[in-house]
Amino acid sequence: WEMRDSFTTVEGASMVLTLGDLEDGKARERLSSAWFITVSLGPRDQDKDAVRFMLEGSDDRESWTVVGGSGYVHWFGRAFPTSNLISVPRARGSRMGVDAHIPAIHWFHYYGHLIMFSLGLTVSTLLCLARRQTLAVQVIKVGLCVQAVESLVMAGFFLIQENVDLNDHP
């Protein structure tokens, strides 16, 4: 897709990117979840690389809203922008993507957990209606045990992921 009438202005440490309209007029929907930055070309420009930033958006250049950042924290199926340090490529002129999409493992934990819980309740309700209460209780117990194990495994995974992220930026 093509964007018309886009330009940047730089003042000190701030850069304003003015976006024109997309050909189909849907810029807002398409520009909300990922973008990329390009590392400076000059060998002496490493100190100008964006290693921590917040991305703000405005329709009127008066009131600004945070719409992105150099990092993201995922919480209950939503991505919240942060100004965490990022690992910028050392090769001059290389591109680095910044993606706010929720990783599949987070999606599985947040939504898969809810789906498993709902499925267990539905099956146990149907068993109760069929006068199979003992089996319904067993289904609930197994469902809760599966959820507990999944939560412990995911907690371990998230702790490891957080430690890896912290070790990337001492």
N, C-alpha and C. Protein backbone atom coordinates (compact mmCIF):
# COMPACT_ATOMS: atom_id res chain seq x y z
N TRP A 1 0.82 -1.17 0.00
CA TRP A 1 0.00 0.00 0.00
C TRP A 1 0.87 1.24 0.00
N GLU A 2 0.38 2.28 -0.59
CA GLU A 2 1.13 3.52 -0.73
C GLU A 2 0.58 4.60 0.19
N MET A 3 1.48 5.40 0.74
CA MET A 3 1.08 6.53 1.56
C MET A 3 1.56 7.81 0.87
N ARG A 4 0.65 8.77 0.76
CA ARG A 4 0.98 10.02 0.09
C ARG A 4 1.25 11.12 1.10
N ASP A 5 2.07 12.08 0.73
CA ASP A 5 2.31 13.29 1.51
C ASP A 5 2.84 13.02 2.92
N SER A 6 3.79 12.10 3.08
CA SER A 6 4.40 11.81 4.38
C SER A 6 5.77 12.46 4.45
N PHE A 7 6.13 13.00 5.63
CA PHE A 7 7.44 13.60 5.81
C PHE A 7 7.81 13.61 7.29
N THR A 8 9.10 13.81 7.59
CA THR A 8 9.58 13.88 8.97
C THR A 8 10.24 15.22 9.23
N THR A 9 10.15 15.65 10.49
CA THR A 9 10.89 16.82 10.96
C THR A 9 11.57 16.42 12.26
N VAL A 10 12.82 16.86 12.43
CA VAL A 10 13.60 16.51 13.61
C VAL A 10 13.95 17.79 14.36
N GLU A 11 13.64 17.77 15.67
CA GLU A 11 14.01 18.88 16.55
C GLU A 11 14.64 18.29 17.80
N GLY A 12 15.96 18.38 17.93
CA GLY A 12 16.65 17.80 19.08
C GLY A 12 16.48 16.29 19.09
N ALA A 13 15.99 15.76 20.23
CA ALA A 13 15.79 14.31 20.34
C ALA A 13 14.42 13.88 19.86
N SER A 14 13.59 14.83 19.43
CA SER A 14 12.24 14.50 18.97
C SER A 14 12.18 14.47 17.45
N MET A 15 11.42 13.52 16.96
CA MET A 15 11.18 13.41 15.53
C MET A 15 9.67 13.35 15.33
N VAL A 16 9.15 14.15 14.44
CA VAL A 16 7.73 14.12 14.12
C VAL A 16 7.58 13.55 12.72
N LEU A 17 6.84 12.46 12.63
CA LEU A 17 6.54 11.82 11.36
C LEU A 17 5.12 12.18 11.01
N THR A 18 4.94 12.95 9.97
CA THR A 18 3.61 13.33 9.52
C THR A 18 3.19 12.37 8.42
N LEU A 19 2.11 11.67 8.68
CA LEU A 19 1.63 10.67 7.74
C LEU A 19 0.52 11.23 6.88
N GLY A 20 0.63 11.02 5.60
CA GLY A 20 -0.44 11.40 4.70
C GLY A 20 -1.53 10.34 4.73
N ASP A 21 -2.41 10.39 3.79
CA ASP A 21 -3.49 9.41 3.71
C ASP A 21 -3.07 8.23 2.86
N LEU A 22 -3.58 7.07 3.24
CA LEU A 22 -3.42 5.91 2.38
C LEU A 22 -4.38 6.04 1.21
N GLU A 23 -4.08 5.34 0.15
CA GLU A 23 -4.93 5.41 -1.02
C GLU A 23 -6.37 5.02 -0.69
N ASP A 24 -6.53 4.03 0.22
CA ASP A 24 -7.89 3.61 0.56
C ASP A 24 -8.42 4.30 1.81
N GLY A 25 -7.63 5.24 2.42
CA GLY A 25 -8.10 6.01 3.56
C GLY A 25 -8.14 5.25 4.88
N LYS A 26 -7.42 4.12 5.00
CA LYS A 26 -7.47 3.34 6.23
C LYS A 26 -6.13 3.34 6.96
N ALA A 27 -5.48 4.48 7.07
CA ALA A 27 -4.17 4.57 7.71
C ALA A 27 -4.24 4.17 9.17
N ARG A 28 -5.22 4.64 9.89
CA ARG A 28 -5.30 4.39 11.33
C ARG A 28 -5.37 2.90 11.65
N GLU A 29 -6.15 2.14 10.89
CA GLU A 29 -6.28 0.72 11.15
C GLU A 29 -4.99 -0.04 10.83
N ARG A 30 -4.28 0.36 9.81
CA ARG A 30 -3.11 -0.39 9.36
C ARG A 30 -1.83 -0.03 10.10
N LEU A 31 -1.77 1.10 10.76
CA LEU A 31 -0.53 1.55 11.37
C LEU A 31 -0.51 1.38 12.88
N SER A 32 -1.31 0.49 13.42
CA SER A 32 -1.43 0.43 14.86
C SER A 32 -0.66 -0.69 15.53
N SER A 33 -0.12 -1.66 14.80
CA SER A 33 0.46 -2.81 15.49
C SER A 33 1.93 -3.09 15.20
N ALA A 34 2.50 -2.56 14.15
CA ALA A 34 3.91 -2.85 13.86
C ALA A 34 4.49 -1.78 12.95
N TRP A 35 5.78 -1.59 13.06
CA TRP A 35 6.51 -0.68 12.19
C TRP A 35 7.97 -1.08 12.25
N PHE A 36 8.84 -0.36 11.58
CA PHE A 36 10.26 -0.64 11.66
C PHE A 36 11.02 0.66 11.72
N ILE A 37 12.23 0.57 12.26
CA ILE A 37 13.12 1.72 12.26
C ILE A 37 14.39 1.29 11.51
N THR A 38 15.05 2.26 10.90
CA THR A 38 16.28 2.00 10.17
C THR A 38 17.42 2.66 10.93
N VAL A 39 18.47 1.90 11.19
CA VAL A 39 19.64 2.41 11.90
C VAL A 39 20.37 3.40 11.00
N SER A 40 20.93 4.45 11.61
CA SER A 40 21.66 5.46 10.85
C SER A 40 22.74 4.84 9.97
N LEU A 41 23.02 5.47 8.85
CA LEU A 41 24.00 4.95 7.91
C LEU A 41 25.44 5.26 8.31
N GLY A 42 25.66 6.42 8.93
CA GLY A 42 27.02 6.86 9.23
C GLY A 42 27.69 6.05 10.32
N PRO A 43 29.00 5.74 10.15
CA PRO A 43 29.72 4.95 11.14
C PRO A 43 29.87 5.68 12.47
N ARG A 44 29.77 6.99 12.47
CA ARG A 44 29.93 7.76 13.70
C ARG A 44 28.59 8.16 14.31
N ASP A 45 27.50 7.58 13.81
CA ASP A 45 26.17 7.95 14.29
C ASP A 45 25.58 6.97 15.30
N GLN A 46 26.39 6.06 15.86
CA GLN A 46 25.84 5.06 16.77
C GLN A 46 25.18 5.69 17.98
N ASP A 47 25.69 6.82 18.44
CA ASP A 47 25.09 7.46 19.61
C ASP A 47 23.71 8.05 19.31
N LYS A 48 23.32 8.10 18.05
CA LYS A 48 22.00 8.61 17.67
C LYS A 48 20.97 7.51 17.45
N ASP A 49 21.38 6.24 17.59
CA ASP A 49 20.45 5.14 17.41
C ASP A 49 19.36 5.18 18.48
N ALA A 50 18.14 4.90 18.06
CA ALA A 50 17.00 4.90 18.98
C ALA A 50 16.97 3.59 19.76
N VAL A 51 17.48 3.61 20.99
CA VAL A 51 17.49 2.40 21.81
C VAL A 51 16.36 2.38 22.82
N ARG A 52 15.71 3.51 23.02
CA ARG A 52 14.59 3.60 23.95
C ARG A 52 13.72 4.78 23.48
N PHE A 53 12.44 4.50 23.22
CA PHE A 53 11.59 5.59 22.75
C PHE A 53 10.12 5.29 23.00
N MET A 54 9.31 6.31 22.97
CA MET A 54 7.86 6.20 23.00
C MET A 54 7.34 6.79 21.70
N LEU A 55 6.31 6.19 21.16
CA LEU A 55 5.70 6.66 19.92
C LEU A 55 4.33 7.21 20.28
N GLU A 56 4.12 8.48 19.97
CA GLU A 56 2.85 9.14 20.28
C GLU A 56 2.16 9.53 18.99
N GLY A 57 0.85 9.54 19.02
CA GLY A 57 0.07 9.92 17.84
C GLY A 57 -0.85 11.08 18.15
N SER A 58 -1.11 11.89 17.15
CA SER A 58 -1.99 13.04 17.31
C SER A 58 -2.65 13.35 15.98
N ASP A 59 -3.90 13.75 16.06
CA ASP A 59 -4.61 14.19 14.86
C ASP A 59 -4.47 15.70 14.65
N ASP A 60 -4.14 16.43 15.75
CA ASP A 60 -4.12 17.88 15.66
C ASP A 60 -2.79 18.52 16.09
N ARG A 61 -1.79 17.69 16.47
CA ARG A 61 -0.48 18.14 16.94
C ARG A 61 -0.58 18.96 18.22
N GLU A 62 -1.72 18.88 18.91
CA GLU A 62 -1.91 19.56 20.19
C GLU A 62 -1.97 18.54 21.33
N SER A 63 -2.87 17.56 21.19
CA SER A 63 -3.00 16.51 22.20
C SER A 63 -2.41 15.22 21.64
N TRP A 64 -1.53 14.61 22.44
CA TRP A 64 -0.79 13.43 21.99
C TRP A 64 -1.17 12.23 22.85
N THR A 65 -1.25 11.06 22.22
CA THR A 65 -1.58 9.81 22.90
C THR A 65 -0.50 8.79 22.59
N VAL A 66 -0.06 8.06 23.62
CA VAL A 66 0.95 7.02 23.41
C VAL A 66 0.32 5.89 22.60
N VAL A 67 0.93 5.57 21.46
CA VAL A 67 0.43 4.50 20.59
C VAL A 67 1.45 3.39 20.40
N GLY A 68 2.66 3.58 20.89
CA GLY A 68 3.68 2.55 20.74
C GLY A 68 4.93 2.93 21.49
N GLY A 69 5.89 2.04 21.46
CA GLY A 69 7.16 2.29 22.13
C GLY A 69 8.21 1.33 21.65
N SER A 70 9.38 1.41 22.27
CA SER A 70 10.47 0.53 21.86
C SER A 70 10.27 -0.89 22.36
N GLY A 71 9.36 -1.09 23.28
CA GLY A 71 9.06 -2.43 23.79
C GLY A 71 7.59 -2.54 24.14
N TYR A 72 7.18 -3.76 24.45
CA TYR A 72 5.79 -4.00 24.82
C TYR A 72 5.72 -4.99 25.96
N VAL A 73 4.74 -4.79 26.83
CA VAL A 73 4.43 -5.74 27.88
C VAL A 73 3.06 -6.31 27.52
N HIS A 74 2.94 -7.63 27.55
CA HIS A 74 1.68 -8.28 27.21
C HIS A 74 0.99 -8.69 28.51
N TRP A 75 -0.25 -8.26 28.67
CA TRP A 75 -0.98 -8.53 29.89
C TRP A 75 -2.42 -8.85 29.54
N PHE A 76 -2.85 -10.06 29.86
CA PHE A 76 -4.22 -10.51 29.60
C PHE A 76 -4.67 -10.23 28.17
N GLY A 77 -3.85 -10.61 27.23
CA GLY A 77 -4.23 -10.52 25.83
C GLY A 77 -4.13 -9.14 25.22
N ARG A 78 -3.53 -8.18 25.93
CA ARG A 78 -3.35 -6.84 25.38
C ARG A 78 -1.88 -6.48 25.40
N ALA A 79 -1.48 -5.63 24.50
CA ALA A 79 -0.09 -5.16 24.43
C ALA A 79 -0.04 -3.72 24.91
N PHE A 80 0.83 -3.45 25.88
CA PHE A 80 1.00 -2.10 26.40
C PHE A 80 2.39 -1.61 26.05
N PRO A 81 2.50 -0.44 25.39
CA PRO A 81 3.81 0.06 24.98
C PRO A 81 4.64 0.50 26.19
N THR A 82 5.96 0.27 26.11
CA THR A 82 6.91 0.71 27.13
C THR A 82 8.09 1.37 26.43
N SER A 83 8.92 2.01 27.22
CA SER A 83 10.15 2.59 26.66
C SER A 83 11.35 1.76 27.09
N ASN A 84 11.20 0.44 27.07
CA ASN A 84 12.30 -0.46 27.43
C ASN A 84 13.44 -0.34 26.44
N LEU A 85 14.64 -0.65 26.92
CA LEU A 85 15.80 -0.70 26.03
C LEU A 85 15.61 -1.82 25.02
N ILE A 86 16.06 -1.58 23.80
CA ILE A 86 15.97 -2.60 22.76
C ILE A 86 17.37 -2.86 22.20
N SER A 87 17.55 -4.02 21.63
CA SER A 87 18.83 -4.36 21.00
C SER A 87 18.81 -3.85 19.57
N VAL A 88 19.51 -2.78 19.33
CA VAL A 88 19.57 -2.18 17.99
C VAL A 88 20.64 -2.90 17.18
N PRO A 89 20.35 -3.25 15.93
CA PRO A 89 21.36 -3.90 15.09
C PRO A 89 22.60 -3.03 14.96
N ARG A 90 23.75 -3.66 14.98
CA ARG A 90 25.01 -2.92 14.89
C ARG A 90 25.36 -2.55 13.45
N ALA A 91 24.85 -3.30 12.49
CA ALA A 91 25.15 -3.01 11.09
C ALA A 91 24.47 -1.70 10.69
N ARG A 92 25.26 -0.79 10.18
CA ARG A 92 24.75 0.53 9.82
C ARG A 92 23.75 0.41 8.67
N GLY A 93 22.63 1.10 8.77
CA GLY A 93 21.61 1.10 7.73
C GLY A 93 20.67 -0.08 7.77
N SER A 94 20.80 -0.97 8.77
CA SER A 94 19.91 -2.13 8.83
C SER A 94 18.57 -1.75 9.47
N ARG A 95 17.57 -2.56 9.16
CA ARG A 95 16.22 -2.32 9.67
C ARG A 95 15.92 -3.24 10.85
N MET A 96 15.11 -2.71 11.77
CA MET A 96 14.69 -3.49 12.92
C MET A 96 13.18 -3.32 13.06
N GLY A 97 12.48 -4.43 13.16
CA GLY A 97 11.04 -4.37 13.32
C GLY A 97 10.63 -4.20 14.77
N VAL A 98 9.57 -3.46 15.00
CA VAL A 98 8.96 -3.31 16.32
C VAL A 98 7.53 -3.79 16.16
N ASP A 99 7.21 -4.87 16.83
CA ASP A 99 5.92 -5.53 16.61
C ASP A 99 5.14 -5.63 17.91
N ALA A 100 3.91 -5.13 17.92
CA ALA A 100 3.08 -5.16 19.12
C ALA A 100 2.12 -6.33 19.14
N HIS A 101 2.17 -7.18 18.12
CA HIS A 101 1.26 -8.33 18.12
C HIS A 101 1.53 -9.21 19.32
N ILE A 102 0.49 -9.80 19.83
CA ILE A 102 0.61 -10.69 20.97
C ILE A 102 1.22 -12.01 20.49
N PRO A 103 2.33 -12.45 21.11
CA PRO A 103 2.94 -13.71 20.70
C PRO A 103 1.96 -14.87 20.88
N ALA A 104 2.10 -15.89 20.06
CA ALA A 104 1.18 -17.03 20.09
C ALA A 104 1.14 -17.70 21.46
N ILE A 105 2.27 -17.78 22.14
CA ILE A 105 2.29 -18.43 23.45
C ILE A 105 1.46 -17.64 24.47
N HIS A 106 1.47 -16.32 24.38
CA HIS A 106 0.62 -15.50 25.25
C HIS A 106 -0.85 -15.71 24.91
N TRP A 107 -1.13 -15.74 23.60
CA TRP A 107 -2.51 -15.95 23.18
C TRP A 107 -3.01 -17.29 23.71
N PHE A 108 -2.21 -18.32 23.58
CA PHE A 108 -2.61 -19.64 24.06
C PHE A 108 -2.90 -19.60 25.55
N HIS A 109 -2.03 -18.95 26.31
CA HIS A 109 -2.23 -18.91 27.76
C HIS A 109 -3.51 -18.15 28.13
N TYR A 110 -3.68 -16.96 27.61
CA TYR A 110 -4.82 -16.14 28.01
C TYR A 110 -6.15 -16.69 27.49
N TYR A 111 -6.19 -16.97 26.20
CA TYR A 111 -7.46 -17.41 25.61
C TYR A 111 -7.66 -18.91 25.70
N GLY A 112 -6.58 -19.68 25.57
CA GLY A 112 -6.70 -21.12 25.71
C GLY A 112 -7.15 -21.52 27.10
N HIS A 113 -6.67 -20.81 28.10
CA HIS A 113 -7.08 -21.06 29.48
C HIS A 113 -8.59 -20.83 29.64
N LEU A 114 -9.08 -19.76 29.09
CA LEU A 114 -10.50 -19.44 29.15
C LEU A 114 -11.33 -20.46 28.38
N ILE A 115 -10.84 -20.89 27.23
CA ILE A 115 -11.56 -21.89 26.43
C ILE A 115 -11.63 -23.22 27.18
N MET A 116 -10.50 -23.63 27.79
CA MET A 116 -10.50 -24.89 28.55
C MET A 116 -11.49 -24.82 29.72
N PHE A 117 -11.51 -23.69 30.41
CA PHE A 117 -12.41 -23.53 31.55
C PHE A 117 -13.87 -23.59 31.09
N SER A 118 -14.19 -22.87 30.03
CA SER A 118 -15.56 -22.85 29.52
C SER A 118 -15.99 -24.23 29.01
N LEU A 119 -15.10 -24.92 28.34
CA LEU A 119 -15.40 -26.26 27.85
C LEU A 119 -15.68 -27.22 29.01
N GLY A 120 -14.87 -27.15 30.06
CA GLY A 120 -15.09 -27.99 31.24
C GLY A 120 -16.43 -27.73 31.90
N LEU A 121 -16.78 -26.46 32.02
CA LEU A 121 -18.08 -26.12 32.62
C LEU A 121 -19.23 -26.59 31.75
N THR A 122 -19.11 -26.45 30.44
CA THR A 122 -20.17 -26.88 29.53
C THR A 122 -20.37 -28.39 29.59
N VAL A 123 -19.26 -29.14 29.53
CA VAL A 123 -19.35 -30.60 29.58
C VAL A 123 -19.93 -31.05 30.92
N SER A 124 -19.48 -30.46 32.01
CA SER A 124 -19.99 -30.87 33.32
C SER A 124 -21.47 -30.50 33.48
N THR A 125 -21.90 -29.39 32.92
CA THR A 125 -23.32 -29.03 32.98
C THR A 125 -24.16 -30.02 32.19
N LEU A 126 -23.68 -30.40 31.00
CA LEU A 126 -24.40 -31.38 30.20
C LEU A 126 -24.46 -32.73 30.92
N LEU A 127 -23.39 -33.12 31.58
CA LEU A 127 -23.39 -34.37 32.35
C LEU A 127 -24.37 -34.30 33.52
N CYS A 128 -24.46 -33.16 34.17
CA CYS A 128 -25.43 -33.00 35.27
C CYS A 128 -26.85 -33.12 34.74
N LEU A 129 -27.12 -32.52 33.59
CA LEU A 129 -28.45 -32.62 32.99
C LEU A 129 -28.78 -34.06 32.62
N ALA A 130 -27.76 -34.85 32.31
CA ALA A 130 -27.97 -36.26 31.98
C ALA A 130 -27.93 -37.14 33.24
N ARG A 131 -27.94 -36.50 34.40
CA ARG A 131 -27.94 -37.19 35.71
C ARG A 131 -26.68 -38.03 35.92
N ARG A 132 -25.56 -37.49 35.45
CA ARG A 132 -24.26 -38.15 35.63
C ARG A 132 -23.38 -37.24 36.49
N GLN A 133 -23.87 -36.88 37.69
CA GLN A 133 -23.19 -35.92 38.56
C GLN A 133 -21.79 -36.38 38.97
N THR A 134 -21.62 -37.65 39.23
CA THR A 134 -20.30 -38.15 39.64
C THR A 134 -19.27 -37.93 38.53
N LEU A 135 -19.65 -38.20 37.32
CA LEU A 135 -18.76 -37.98 36.19
C LEU A 135 -18.51 -36.48 35.98
N ALA A 136 -19.55 -35.67 36.20
CA ALA A 136 -19.41 -34.21 36.06
C ALA A 136 -18.38 -33.67 37.04
N VAL A 137 -18.40 -34.19 38.28
CA VAL A 137 -17.43 -33.77 39.28
C VAL A 137 -16.02 -34.15 38.84
N GLN A 138 -15.86 -35.34 38.28
CA GLN A 138 -14.55 -35.78 37.79
C GLN A 138 -14.05 -34.89 36.66
N VAL A 139 -14.95 -34.50 35.75
CA VAL A 139 -14.57 -33.61 34.64
C VAL A 139 -14.09 -32.28 35.18
N ILE A 140 -14.79 -31.74 36.18
CA ILE A 140 -14.38 -30.46 36.77
C ILE A 140 -13.02 -30.59 37.43
N LYS A 141 -12.79 -31.68 38.19
CA LYS A 141 -11.51 -31.89 38.85
C LYS A 141 -10.36 -32.00 37.83
N VAL A 142 -10.57 -32.79 36.80
CA VAL A 142 -9.53 -32.95 35.77
C VAL A 142 -9.28 -31.60 35.08
N GLY A 143 -10.35 -30.89 34.75
CA GLY A 143 -10.20 -29.58 34.10
C GLY A 143 -9.41 -28.60 34.95
N LEU A 144 -9.68 -28.55 36.24
CA LEU A 144 -8.96 -27.64 37.14
C LEU A 144 -7.50 -28.06 37.28
N CYS A 145 -7.24 -29.37 37.32
CA CYS A 145 -5.85 -29.84 37.39
C CYS A 145 -5.07 -29.49 36.13
N VAL A 146 -5.69 -29.67 34.98
CA VAL A 146 -5.03 -29.32 33.71
C VAL A 146 -4.72 -27.82 33.69
N GLN A 147 -5.66 -27.00 34.14
CA GLN A 147 -5.43 -25.56 34.16
C GLN A 147 -4.32 -25.19 35.13
N ALA A 148 -4.26 -25.86 36.27
CA ALA A 148 -3.20 -25.58 37.25
C ALA A 148 -1.83 -25.91 36.68
N VAL A 149 -1.71 -27.07 36.05
CA VAL A 149 -0.44 -27.47 35.45
C VAL A 149 -0.05 -26.50 34.34
N GLU A 150 -0.99 -26.15 33.50
CA GLU A 150 -0.72 -25.20 32.40
C GLU A 150 -0.28 -23.86 32.97
N SER A 151 -0.91 -23.40 34.03
CA SER A 151 -0.53 -22.11 34.65
C SER A 151 0.87 -22.16 35.22
N LEU A 152 1.25 -23.26 35.87
CA LEU A 152 2.60 -23.39 36.42
C LEU A 152 3.65 -23.43 35.31
N VAL A 153 3.37 -24.18 34.25
CA VAL A 153 4.31 -24.24 33.13
C VAL A 153 4.46 -22.87 32.49
N MET A 154 3.36 -22.18 32.28
CA MET A 154 3.42 -20.86 31.65
C MET A 154 4.11 -19.84 32.57
N ALA A 155 3.88 -19.93 33.87
CA ALA A 155 4.55 -19.03 34.81
C ALA A 155 6.07 -19.21 34.69
N GLY A 156 6.52 -20.46 34.62
CA GLY A 156 7.95 -20.72 34.44
C GLY A 156 8.46 -20.15 33.13
N PHE A 157 7.71 -20.36 32.07
CA PHE A 157 8.10 -19.83 30.76
C PHE A 157 8.20 -18.31 30.80
N PHE A 158 7.20 -17.64 31.39
CA PHE A 158 7.20 -16.17 31.43
C PHE A 158 8.35 -15.64 32.28
N LEU A 159 8.70 -16.34 33.38
CA LEU A 159 9.84 -15.93 34.19
C LEU A 159 11.15 -16.06 33.42
N ILE A 160 11.30 -17.16 32.70
CA ILE A 160 12.50 -17.34 31.88
C ILE A 160 12.57 -16.26 30.81
N GLN A 161 11.45 -15.98 30.16
CA GLN A 161 11.41 -14.95 29.12
C GLN A 161 11.77 -13.58 29.70
N GLU A 162 11.27 -13.27 30.89
CA GLU A 162 11.57 -11.98 31.52
C GLU A 162 13.05 -11.89 31.87
N ASN A 163 13.64 -12.98 32.38
CA ASN A 163 15.07 -12.98 32.70
C ASN A 163 15.93 -12.82 31.45
N VAL A 164 15.53 -13.45 30.36
CA VAL A 164 16.27 -13.29 29.10
C VAL A 164 16.21 -11.84 28.66
N ASP A 165 15.01 -11.22 28.74
CA ASP A 165 14.87 -9.82 28.35
C ASP A 165 15.73 -8.92 29.23
N LEU A 166 15.79 -9.19 30.54
CA LEU A 166 16.59 -8.37 31.46
C LEU A 166 18.07 -8.56 31.19
N ASN A 167 18.51 -9.78 30.85
CA ASN A 167 19.91 -10.04 30.58
C ASN A 167 20.38 -9.41 29.28
N ASP A 168 19.45 -9.16 28.35
CA ASP A 168 19.82 -8.50 27.10
C ASP A 168 20.26 -7.07 27.34
N HIS A 169 19.75 -6.48 28.43
CA HIS A 169 20.02 -5.05 28.71
C HIS A 169 20.39 -4.88 30.16
N PRO A 170 21.67 -5.10 30.51
CA PRO A 170 22.09 -5.00 31.92
C PRO A 170 21.98 -3.59 32.46
